[in-house]
Amino acid sequence: MRIAMVAGEASGDLLAAHLIAALKKRLPGAQFVGIGGPKMQREGFDAWWPAEKLAVRGYVEVLRHYREITGIRRQLLSKLLESRPDVFIGVDAPDFNLWLEGRLKAAGIPAVHYVSPSVWAWRAGRLGKIGKAVSHMLALFPFEPEIYRQHQIPVSYVGHPLADIIPLQIDHAGAKERLEVTKAQPVFALLPGSRQSEVRYMADLLVETARRLLARFPNAMFLVPLVSRETRDLFETAIWKAGAADLPFKLLFGHAHEALAACDAAIVASGTATLEAAMLKAPMIIAYRMSPISWQLMRRMHLQPWAGLPNILAGRFVVPEFLQGEATAENLAQAAGNLVADATVREQLARVYSSLHRQLQQDTAEKAAAAILPYLQPAR
């Protein structure tokens, strides 16, 4: 049995890796092929192309890589139509995967999409396209299934794997100790994003924010988790350009969960990392910058007042958001510093985070695997 998958960035790689492990328990002889990252490969996935090839964000950034990305997609479609996998699972990356899923479904190959596109936030008109493209939608958030049922699209709510992986109670002091940070030091986690394009827009801003925070908290430490050599190089370049080599940065390869568990306040680029921060009970602010053209297009099509997942799930501004022009070093340093100084606010945030955490705990990988199995029955 052959199961084809495409995951296009770090969060999709994590989701797909856990799903592969759950499917292997039921289908020990299954092969997994397509586009994926290192976590998927550790589960035995055969990556025809690495996930990094698809890890670009924003209209301008996608246009720069358009020819390469569409070339990969055409080649992948050709290979899949020739080899005819038993099922195709597109993990997030909707602009890439929905095109592929529609063509595979039309050719008689079941197409499952794992992670609902944000139709509740922007581009709601995609629902008609989704209905034609997918055989089944796997939704991570509890408010999503009803949207798909209204459009007669098969859907299953599976929860979010982060809520299964991350414990409800976080050992904050132990995390500090593991990262060799003293208990008395205020610790700030700075998460500029997993994509190179995100780090290019966020690195200078975060370096300057750290400089301002250090003036207020002279014994502070700044933890910066980075997912690759390329993103680390970009952040190191920003430090060098700002003449900030003397600032107490601790650059980490990965270890985002450890940094968030250890921190007293976090500044997080909008995306899945904001949900990780909430599950790890990290007091946070959300900051994001992108190209001006991408920002204007996104803002026109956005349907909700919130960008961060904790706020979307709560239905209100639980954590502050500073986007584009509002994402200044002055604003970020003020807001992050206030979090460190206000224990009452941190306690209130922890209660909200715990409530969201429980809501999303659904044994996600097992539920997702169970929803996919019926599409494999005829082949077994």
Protein backbone atom coordinates (compact mmCIF):
# COMPACT_ATOMS: atom_id res chain seq x y z
CA MET A 1 0.00 0.00 0.00
CA ARG A 2 1.29 3.45 -0.94
CA ILE A 3 0.18 6.68 0.76
CA ALA A 4 1.27 9.96 -0.84
CA MET A 5 1.64 13.11 1.26
CA VAL A 6 2.73 16.73 0.88
CA ALA A 7 3.76 18.90 3.84
CA GLY A 8 5.29 22.27 3.12
CA GLU A 9 6.74 23.69 6.34
CA ALA A 10 7.80 22.87 9.90
CA SER A 11 4.27 22.72 11.38
CA GLY A 12 3.04 20.46 8.56
CA ASP A 13 6.08 18.23 8.97
CA LEU A 14 5.16 17.72 12.65
CA LEU A 15 1.50 16.98 11.89
CA ALA A 16 2.37 14.56 9.11
CA ALA A 17 5.01 12.73 11.15
CA HIS A 18 2.51 11.93 13.91
CA LEU A 19 -0.08 10.84 11.35
CA ILE A 20 2.44 8.53 9.65
CA ALA A 21 3.22 6.92 13.01
CA ALA A 22 -0.49 6.36 13.71
CA LEU A 23 -1.14 4.91 10.24
CA LYS A 24 1.89 2.61 10.48
CA LYS A 25 0.38 1.00 13.58
CA ARG A 26 -2.66 -0.01 11.52
CA LEU A 27 -0.87 -0.51 8.19
CA PRO A 28 2.65 -1.76 9.01
CA GLY A 29 3.54 -2.44 5.39
CA ALA A 30 2.48 0.96 4.03
CA GLN A 31 4.90 3.17 2.09
CA PHE A 32 4.78 6.95 2.47
CA VAL A 33 6.06 9.16 -0.37
CA GLY A 34 5.90 12.73 -1.66
CA ILE A 35 7.12 16.03 -0.23
CA GLY A 36 8.06 16.23 3.44
CA GLY A 37 10.47 17.32 6.10
CA PRO A 38 12.94 15.72 8.52
CA LYS A 39 10.36 14.58 11.12
CA MET A 40 8.43 12.73 8.41
CA GLN A 41 11.63 11.19 7.10
CA ARG A 42 12.47 9.89 10.58
CA GLU A 43 9.17 7.98 10.39
CA GLY A 44 10.30 6.33 7.14
CA PHE A 45 8.84 8.85 4.67
CA ASP A 46 10.45 8.87 1.21
CA ALA A 47 10.84 12.58 0.39
CA TRP A 48 11.00 13.09 -3.36
CA TRP A 49 11.41 16.81 -2.62
CA PRO A 50 12.17 18.46 0.76
CA ALA A 51 9.42 20.47 2.49
CA GLU A 52 11.70 23.53 2.49
CA LYS A 53 10.98 23.95 -1.24
CA LEU A 54 7.42 25.03 -0.38
CA ALA A 55 8.19 27.09 2.74
CA VAL A 56 7.54 30.59 1.40
CA ARG A 57 4.86 33.01 2.58
CA GLY A 58 3.15 36.11 1.22
CA TYR A 59 2.17 36.98 -2.33
CA VAL A 60 5.44 38.66 -3.26
CA GLU A 61 7.55 35.84 -1.83
CA VAL A 62 5.48 33.17 -3.60
CA LEU A 63 5.79 35.03 -6.91
CA ARG A 64 9.59 34.99 -6.60
CA HIS A 65 9.52 31.18 -6.38
CA TYR A 66 6.45 30.62 -8.56
CA ARG A 67 8.13 28.87 -11.47
CA GLU A 68 10.06 26.47 -9.25
CA ILE A 69 7.04 25.64 -7.08
CA THR A 70 4.64 25.08 -9.99
CA GLY A 71 7.30 22.99 -11.75
CA ILE A 72 7.60 20.73 -8.69
CA ARG A 73 3.82 20.44 -8.49
CA ARG A 74 3.48 19.40 -12.12
CA GLN A 75 6.25 16.82 -11.76
CA LEU A 76 4.67 15.46 -8.57
CA LEU A 77 1.24 15.20 -10.19
CA SER A 78 2.73 13.27 -13.09
CA LYS A 79 4.49 10.84 -10.73
CA LEU A 80 1.36 10.30 -8.66
CA LEU A 81 -0.90 9.73 -11.66
CA GLU A 82 1.59 7.19 -12.91
CA SER A 83 2.12 5.38 -9.59
CA ARG A 84 -1.51 5.81 -8.38
CA PRO A 85 -1.22 5.85 -4.56
CA ASP A 86 -4.10 4.43 -2.54
CA VAL A 87 -4.77 7.84 -0.99
CA PHE A 88 -3.26 11.32 -1.12
CA ILE A 89 -3.01 13.42 2.05
CA GLY A 90 -2.28 17.12 1.64
CA VAL A 91 -1.04 18.54 4.94
CA ASP A 92 -1.82 22.27 5.11
CA ALA A 93 -0.18 24.25 2.21
CA PRO A 94 -3.63 24.80 0.65
CA ASP A 95 -2.53 26.83 -2.36
CA PHE A 96 -0.24 23.99 -3.41
CA ASN A 97 -2.30 21.02 -2.25
CA LEU A 98 -5.85 21.91 -3.31
CA TRP A 99 -4.76 22.17 -6.96
CA LEU A 100 -3.11 18.77 -6.65
CA GLU A 101 -5.99 17.21 -4.73
CA GLY A 102 -8.56 18.29 -7.30
CA ARG A 103 -6.70 16.61 -10.12
CA LEU A 104 -6.02 13.45 -8.16
CA LYS A 105 -9.63 13.18 -7.01
CA ALA A 106 -10.80 13.62 -10.61
CA ALA A 107 -8.50 10.73 -11.55
CA GLY A 108 -10.11 8.48 -8.94
CA ILE A 109 -7.51 8.83 -6.18
CA PRO A 110 -9.05 9.76 -2.79
CA ALA A 111 -7.74 13.14 -1.60
CA VAL A 112 -7.75 14.02 2.10
CA HIS A 113 -6.80 17.50 3.26
CA TYR A 114 -5.33 17.71 6.78
CA VAL A 115 -5.69 21.17 8.35
CA SER A 116 -8.63 23.24 7.22
CA PRO A 117 -7.67 26.34 5.24
CA SER A 118 -8.61 29.46 7.17
CA VAL A 119 -11.90 29.99 5.35
CA TRP A 120 -13.29 31.44 8.60
CA ALA A 121 -10.61 34.16 8.52
CA TRP A 122 -10.19 35.07 4.86
CA ARG A 123 -10.96 33.90 1.31
CA ALA A 124 -14.23 32.20 2.30
CA GLY A 125 -14.95 31.84 -1.43
CA ARG A 126 -12.53 28.89 -1.47
CA LEU A 127 -15.21 26.58 -0.03
CA GLY A 128 -16.60 25.76 -3.47
CA LYS A 129 -13.12 24.90 -4.73
CA ILE A 130 -12.42 22.83 -1.63
CA GLY A 131 -15.62 20.84 -2.10
CA LYS A 132 -14.59 19.88 -5.62
CA ALA A 133 -11.00 19.09 -4.64
CA VAL A 134 -11.18 17.01 -1.47
CA SER A 135 -12.73 13.69 -0.52
CA HIS A 136 -12.46 14.50 3.19
CA MET A 137 -11.38 17.43 5.36
CA LEU A 138 -9.59 16.93 8.69
CA ALA A 139 -10.22 19.98 10.90
CA LEU A 140 -8.03 20.96 13.84
CA PHE A 141 -10.37 23.43 15.53
CA PRO A 142 -13.83 22.77 17.00
CA PHE A 143 -15.65 25.58 15.19
CA GLU A 144 -14.58 24.42 11.70
CA PRO A 145 -16.67 21.27 10.98
CA GLU A 146 -20.01 23.10 10.89
CA ILE A 147 -18.68 25.37 8.11
CA TYR A 148 -17.91 22.34 5.94
CA ARG A 149 -21.13 20.52 6.77
CA GLN A 150 -23.08 23.54 5.54
CA HIS A 151 -21.37 23.00 2.16
CA GLN A 152 -21.81 19.20 2.16
CA ILE A 153 -18.06 18.58 2.46
CA PRO A 154 -17.14 15.42 4.45
CA VAL A 155 -15.26 16.55 7.56
CA SER A 156 -13.88 15.21 10.85
CA TYR A 157 -12.79 17.24 13.87
CA VAL A 158 -9.53 15.71 15.08
CA GLY A 159 -8.18 18.35 17.49
CA HIS A 160 -4.62 19.64 17.43
CA PRO A 161 -1.60 17.38 18.04
CA LEU A 162 0.21 20.07 19.99
CA ALA A 163 -2.43 19.72 22.70
CA ASP A 164 -1.64 16.00 22.92
CA ILE A 165 2.14 16.40 22.83
CA ILE A 166 2.50 19.26 25.30
CA PRO A 167 1.57 18.55 28.95
CA LEU A 168 -1.09 20.70 30.62
CA GLN A 169 1.32 21.63 33.41
CA ILE A 170 4.63 23.20 32.34
CA ASP A 171 7.79 22.97 34.44
CA HIS A 172 8.91 26.57 34.00
CA ALA A 173 11.76 26.39 36.51
CA GLY A 174 13.00 23.09 35.08
CA ALA A 175 13.01 24.52 31.54
CA LYS A 176 15.12 27.44 32.71
CA GLU A 177 17.54 25.08 34.37
CA ARG A 178 17.88 22.92 31.24
CA LEU A 179 18.73 25.99 29.18
CA GLU A 180 21.22 27.12 31.84
CA VAL A 181 19.33 30.28 32.73
CA THR A 182 19.33 31.46 36.34
CA LYS A 183 15.95 31.72 38.07
CA ALA A 184 16.47 35.41 38.73
CA GLN A 185 17.01 36.29 35.06
CA PRO A 186 14.04 37.64 33.08
CA VAL A 187 13.91 35.43 29.99
CA PHE A 188 12.45 36.57 26.68
CA ALA A 189 11.81 34.09 23.87
CA LEU A 190 12.01 35.69 20.43
CA LEU A 191 10.44 33.57 17.66
CA PRO A 192 10.90 35.22 14.25
CA GLY A 193 9.22 32.41 12.25
CA SER A 194 10.34 29.23 10.54
CA ARG A 195 10.59 30.53 6.98
CA GLN A 196 13.56 32.47 5.65
CA SER A 197 11.19 35.12 4.30
CA GLU A 198 9.73 35.63 7.79
CA VAL A 199 13.13 35.93 9.45
CA ARG A 200 14.21 38.52 6.87
CA TYR A 201 11.29 40.74 7.89
CA MET A 202 11.45 40.05 11.64
CA ALA A 203 15.13 39.75 12.60
CA ASP A 204 16.11 43.44 12.62
CA LEU A 205 12.95 44.30 14.54
CA LEU A 206 13.59 41.68 17.23
CA VAL A 207 17.24 42.66 17.66
CA GLU A 208 16.25 46.28 18.26
CA THR A 209 13.44 45.17 20.60
CA ALA A 210 15.97 43.16 22.63
CA ARG A 211 18.19 46.22 22.94
CA ARG A 212 15.30 48.21 24.41
CA LEU A 213 14.28 45.42 26.76
CA LEU A 214 17.83 45.10 28.06
CA ALA A 215 17.78 48.78 29.01
CA ARG A 216 14.73 48.03 31.20
CA PHE A 217 15.89 44.59 32.43
CA PRO A 218 19.72 44.71 32.63
CA ASN A 219 20.09 41.01 33.53
CA ALA A 220 17.71 39.73 30.82
CA MET A 221 18.41 36.77 28.53
CA PHE A 222 17.05 36.40 24.98
CA LEU A 223 16.39 32.90 23.63
CA VAL A 224 16.02 32.70 19.83
CA PRO A 225 14.98 29.31 18.42
CA LEU A 226 15.81 28.96 14.71
CA VAL A 227 14.91 26.00 12.54
CA SER A 228 17.79 25.88 10.04
CA ARG A 229 21.31 27.04 9.29
CA GLU A 230 19.86 29.53 6.78
CA THR A 231 17.54 31.20 9.29
CA ARG A 232 20.31 31.26 11.91
CA ASP A 233 22.62 33.00 9.40
CA LEU A 234 19.92 35.60 8.74
CA PHE A 235 19.49 36.34 12.44
CA GLU A 236 23.24 36.49 13.05
CA THR A 237 23.51 38.95 10.16
CA ALA A 238 20.85 41.14 11.77
CA ILE A 239 22.79 41.11 15.06
CA TRP A 240 25.99 42.09 13.22
CA LYS A 241 24.28 44.88 11.24
CA ALA A 242 22.84 46.35 14.44
CA GLY A 243 26.18 46.22 16.26
CA ALA A 244 24.46 44.08 18.88
CA ALA A 245 27.01 41.32 19.40
CA ASP A 246 27.24 42.26 23.07
CA LEU A 247 23.54 41.60 23.72
CA PRO A 248 22.80 38.37 25.65
CA PHE A 249 21.29 36.36 22.80
CA LYS A 250 21.23 32.57 22.99
CA LEU A 251 20.58 31.24 19.50
CA LEU A 252 19.16 27.73 19.47
CA PHE A 253 18.83 25.15 16.72
CA GLY A 254 15.18 24.23 17.19
CA HIS A 255 14.26 23.89 20.90
CA ALA A 256 11.34 26.31 20.47
CA HIS A 257 9.29 24.41 23.05
CA GLU A 258 12.09 24.59 25.57
CA ALA A 259 12.51 28.33 24.98
CA LEU A 260 8.78 28.99 25.35
CA ALA A 261 8.55 26.87 28.49
CA ALA A 262 11.50 28.73 30.04
CA CYS A 263 10.52 32.27 29.12
CA ASP A 264 8.83 34.94 31.20
CA ALA A 265 7.52 36.60 28.04
CA ALA A 266 7.61 35.74 24.34
CA ILE A 267 7.40 37.69 21.12
CA VAL A 268 6.04 35.32 18.50
CA ALA A 269 5.56 35.69 14.77
CA SER A 270 1.94 34.93 13.92
CA GLY A 271 1.25 31.34 12.89
CA THR A 272 1.30 27.92 14.51
CA ALA A 273 4.01 29.14 16.90
CA THR A 274 1.40 31.29 18.64
CA LEU A 275 -0.59 28.15 19.45
CA GLU A 276 2.59 26.41 20.65
CA ALA A 277 3.24 29.37 22.94
CA ALA A 278 -0.29 29.14 24.36
CA MET A 279 -0.01 25.39 24.97
CA LEU A 280 3.33 25.98 26.74
CA LYS A 281 1.62 28.69 28.86
CA ALA A 282 4.06 31.37 27.69
CA PRO A 283 2.93 34.98 28.26
CA MET A 284 3.19 36.36 24.74
CA ILE A 285 2.64 39.13 22.29
CA ILE A 286 2.18 38.48 18.61
CA ALA A 287 4.16 40.44 16.02
CA TYR A 288 4.33 40.08 12.28
CA ARG A 289 5.70 41.88 9.26
CA MET A 290 5.55 40.99 5.57
CA SER A 291 6.05 42.81 2.27
CA PRO A 292 3.82 45.91 1.90
CA ILE A 293 2.08 44.48 -1.17
CA SER A 294 1.31 41.16 0.57
CA TRP A 295 0.05 43.06 3.60
CA GLN A 296 -2.38 45.21 1.60
CA LEU A 297 -3.82 42.17 -0.18
CA MET A 298 -4.16 40.16 3.03
CA ARG A 299 -5.78 43.03 4.92
CA ARG A 300 -8.46 43.51 2.25
CA MET A 301 -9.47 39.85 2.33
CA HIS A 302 -9.26 39.25 6.09
CA LEU A 303 -12.62 38.50 7.70
CA GLN A 304 -11.74 38.60 11.41
CA PRO A 305 -10.19 41.18 13.72
CA TRP A 306 -7.61 38.66 15.01
CA ALA A 307 -4.48 37.19 13.43
CA GLY A 308 -3.16 34.95 16.22
CA LEU A 309 -4.65 31.52 16.86
CA PRO A 310 -5.09 32.01 20.64
CA ASN A 311 -7.25 35.07 19.96
CA ILE A 312 -9.19 33.34 17.18
CA LEU A 313 -9.93 30.33 19.40
CA ALA A 314 -10.92 32.52 22.35
CA GLY A 315 -12.98 34.84 20.15
CA ARG A 316 -11.38 37.90 21.73
CA PHE A 317 -8.05 39.66 22.19
CA VAL A 318 -6.42 37.45 24.80
CA VAL A 319 -2.92 38.47 23.73
CA PRO A 320 -1.81 41.73 22.08
CA GLU A 321 -1.16 41.75 18.32
CA PHE A 322 1.24 44.15 16.61
CA LEU A 323 1.07 43.75 12.85
CA GLN A 324 2.99 45.47 10.07
CA GLY A 325 3.28 49.20 10.87
CA GLU A 326 2.34 48.66 14.51
CA ALA A 327 5.15 46.12 14.90
CA THR A 328 7.80 48.57 16.12
CA ALA A 329 10.60 47.92 18.58
CA GLU A 330 9.12 50.50 20.94
CA ASN A 331 5.69 48.82 20.98
CA LEU A 332 7.06 45.31 21.33
CA ALA A 333 9.50 46.16 24.10
CA GLN A 334 6.82 48.02 26.06
CA ALA A 335 4.27 45.20 25.77
CA ALA A 336 6.73 42.36 26.49
CA GLY A 337 8.21 44.23 29.43
CA ASN A 338 4.75 44.82 30.88
CA LEU A 339 4.05 41.08 30.77
CA VAL A 340 7.16 40.37 32.83
CA ALA A 341 6.18 43.05 35.33
CA ASP A 342 2.53 42.00 35.79
CA ALA A 343 2.02 38.65 37.55
CA THR A 344 -1.78 39.03 37.54
CA VAL A 345 -1.94 39.24 33.76
CA ARG A 346 0.35 36.21 33.44
CA GLU A 347 -1.94 34.18 35.73
CA GLN A 348 -5.02 35.20 33.74
CA LEU A 349 -3.33 34.19 30.50
CA ALA A 350 -2.36 30.80 31.95
CA ARG A 351 -6.02 30.09 32.81
CA VAL A 352 -7.20 30.95 29.30
CA TYR A 353 -4.40 28.89 27.75
CA SER A 354 -5.29 25.86 29.90
CA SER A 355 -8.93 26.05 28.80
CA LEU A 356 -7.93 26.15 25.12
CA HIS A 357 -5.47 23.31 25.69
CA ARG A 358 -8.16 21.00 27.10
CA GLN A 359 -10.50 21.82 24.25
CA LEU A 360 -7.93 20.79 21.64
CA GLN A 361 -6.84 17.55 23.34
CA GLN A 362 -8.44 14.92 21.09
CA ASP A 363 -5.75 12.25 20.47
CA THR A 364 -5.39 13.89 17.08
CA ALA A 365 -3.17 11.48 15.16
CA GLU A 366 -5.36 8.50 16.08
CA LYS A 367 -8.56 10.33 15.09
CA ALA A 368 -7.01 11.48 11.81
CA ALA A 369 -5.83 7.96 10.99
CA ALA A 370 -9.30 6.56 11.76
CA ALA A 371 -10.90 9.10 9.39
CA ILE A 372 -8.49 8.12 6.58
CA LEU A 373 -8.81 4.32 6.92
CA PRO A 374 -12.21 4.05 5.17
CA TYR A 375 -10.63 5.40 1.99
CA LEU A 376 -8.10 2.56 2.14
CA GLN A 377 -10.54 -0.29 2.80
CA PRO A 378 -11.06 -1.36 -0.84
CA ALA A 379 -7.29 -1.73 -1.26
CA ARG A 380 -6.76 -3.88 1.84
